[in-house]
C-alpha atoms as a PDB file:
ATOM      1  CA  MET A   1      98.651  85.479 111.293  1.00  0.00           C
ATOM      2  CA  SER A   2      95.838  86.344 108.905  1.00  0.00           C
ATOM      3  CA  GLY A   3      95.986  89.428 106.689  1.00  0.00           C
ATOM      4  CA  THR A   4      92.294  90.346 106.942  1.00  0.00           C
ATOM      5  CA  ARG A   5      92.718  92.940 109.748  1.00  0.00           C
ATOM      6  CA  ARG A   6      94.420  96.261 108.943  1.00  0.00           C
ATOM      7  CA  GLU A   7      95.700  96.691 112.520  1.00  0.00           C
ATOM      8  CA  ASN A   8      97.895  93.563 112.117  1.00  0.00           C
ATOM      9  CA  ILE A   9      99.814  94.953 109.122  1.00  0.00           C
ATOM     10  CA  LYS A  10     102.605  97.508 109.494  1.00  0.00           C
ATOM     11  CA  ILE A  11     104.821  99.248 106.939  1.00  0.00           C
ATOM     12  CA  GLY A  12     108.186  97.491 106.697  1.00  0.00           C
ATOM     13  CA  GLN A  13     106.717  94.107 107.637  1.00  0.00           C
ATOM     14  CA  LYS A  14     107.401  90.977 105.567  1.00  0.00           C
ATOM     15  CA  VAL A  15     104.177  89.481 104.164  1.00  0.00           C
ATOM     16  CA  GLN A  16     102.878  87.021 101.564  1.00  0.00           C
ATOM     17  CA  VAL A  17     100.366  88.478  99.116  1.00  0.00           C
ATOM     18  CA  VAL A  18      98.271  87.104  96.280  1.00  0.00           C
ATOM     19  CA  ARG A  19      98.337  89.324  93.192  1.00  0.00           C
ATOM     20  CA  LYS A  20      95.176  89.922  91.112  1.00  0.00           C
ATOM     21  CA  GLN A  21      96.444  87.750  88.257  1.00  0.00           C
ATOM     22  CA  ASP A  22      97.351  84.932  90.697  1.00  0.00           C
ATOM     23  CA  GLN A  23      93.962  84.773  92.468  1.00  0.00           C
ATOM     24  CA  ARG A  24      92.829  81.688  90.514  1.00  0.00           C
ATOM     25  CA  THR A  25      95.969  79.699  91.339  1.00  0.00           C
ATOM     26  CA  GLY A  26      96.526  81.155  94.812  1.00  0.00           C
ATOM     27  CA  LYS A  27     100.247  81.682  94.087  1.00  0.00           C
ATOM     28  CA  LEU A  28     101.810  83.788  96.854  1.00  0.00           C
ATOM     29  CA  THR A  29     104.420  86.519  96.412  1.00  0.00           C
ATOM     30  CA  GLU A  30     106.647  87.509  99.332  1.00  0.00           C
ATOM     31  CA  GLY A  31     107.743  91.063  99.997  1.00  0.00           C
ATOM     32  CA  VAL A  32     107.966  93.993 102.384  1.00  0.00           C
ATOM     33  CA  VAL A  33     104.985  96.357 102.839  1.00  0.00           C
ATOM     34  CA  ALA A  34     105.554  99.870 101.475  1.00  0.00           C
ATOM     35  CA  ARG A  35     101.929 101.180 101.613  1.00  0.00           C
ATOM     36  CA  LEU A  36      98.528 100.073 102.893  1.00  0.00           C
ATOM     37  CA  LEU A  37      95.944 100.570 100.153  1.00  0.00           C
ATOM     38  CA  THR A  38      92.786  99.341 101.941  1.00  0.00           C
ATOM     39  CA  ASN A  39      91.240 102.004 104.182  1.00  0.00           C
ATOM     40  CA  SER A  40      88.702  99.843 106.013  1.00  0.00           C
ATOM     41  CA  ALA A  41      89.610  98.048 109.270  1.00  0.00           C
ATOM     42  CA  THR A  42      88.979  94.590 107.797  1.00  0.00           C
ATOM     43  CA  HIS A  43      88.534  92.929 104.409  1.00  0.00           C
ATOM     44  CA  PRO A  44      87.397  89.319 103.923  1.00  0.00           C
ATOM     45  CA  HIS A  45      89.930  88.650 101.115  1.00  0.00           C
ATOM     46  CA  GLY A  46      92.862  90.388 102.801  1.00  0.00           C
ATOM     47  CA  ILE A  47      94.116  93.950 103.150  1.00  0.00           C
ATOM     48  CA  LYS A  48      95.438  95.330  99.856  1.00  0.00           C
ATOM     49  CA  VAL A  49      99.044  96.534 100.064  1.00  0.00           C
ATOM     50  CA  LYS A  50     101.821  97.765  97.803  1.00  0.00           C
ATOM     51  CA  LEU A  51     105.175  96.057  98.342  1.00  0.00           C
ATOM     52  CA  GLU A  52     108.570  97.790  98.105  1.00  0.00           C
ATOM     53  CA  ASP A  53     109.137  96.259  94.636  1.00  0.00           C
ATOM     54  CA  GLY A  54     105.853  97.778  93.372  1.00  0.00           C
ATOM     55  CA  THR A  55     103.762  94.596  93.532  1.00  0.00           C
ATOM     56  CA  VAL A  56     100.140  95.140  94.602  1.00  0.00           C
ATOM     57  CA  GLY A  57      98.180  92.352  96.231  1.00  0.00           C
ATOM     58  CA  ARG A  58      96.061  91.208  99.145  1.00  0.00           C
ATOM     59  CA  VAL A  59      97.823  89.983 102.276  1.00  0.00           C
ATOM     60  CA  LYS A  60      97.271  86.256 102.907  1.00  0.00           C
ATOM     61  CA  GLU A  61     100.017  85.640 105.486  1.00  0.00           C
ATOM     62  CA  ILE A  62     102.057  87.847 107.793  1.00  0.00           C
ATOM     63  CA  ALA A  63     105.579  86.574 108.467  1.00  0.00           C
ATOM     64  CA  ASP A  64     106.260  85.971 112.152  1.00  0.00           C
ATOM     65  CA  GLU A  65     108.920  88.318 113.446  1.00  0.00           C
END
């Protein structure tokens, strides 16, 4: 599932994000959502979230439960 729609992302969900410094390479970081940082309903590059380990990035993939 794509991470461009805020309604698809819930706190406690496992996701793959791309951090700001990894945008050129597209390297993904996996983690669990602690906070949603994007307020708008959608974002073309992915909803920005903060993971439980403190990593901030834009959601590229949502792990299937």
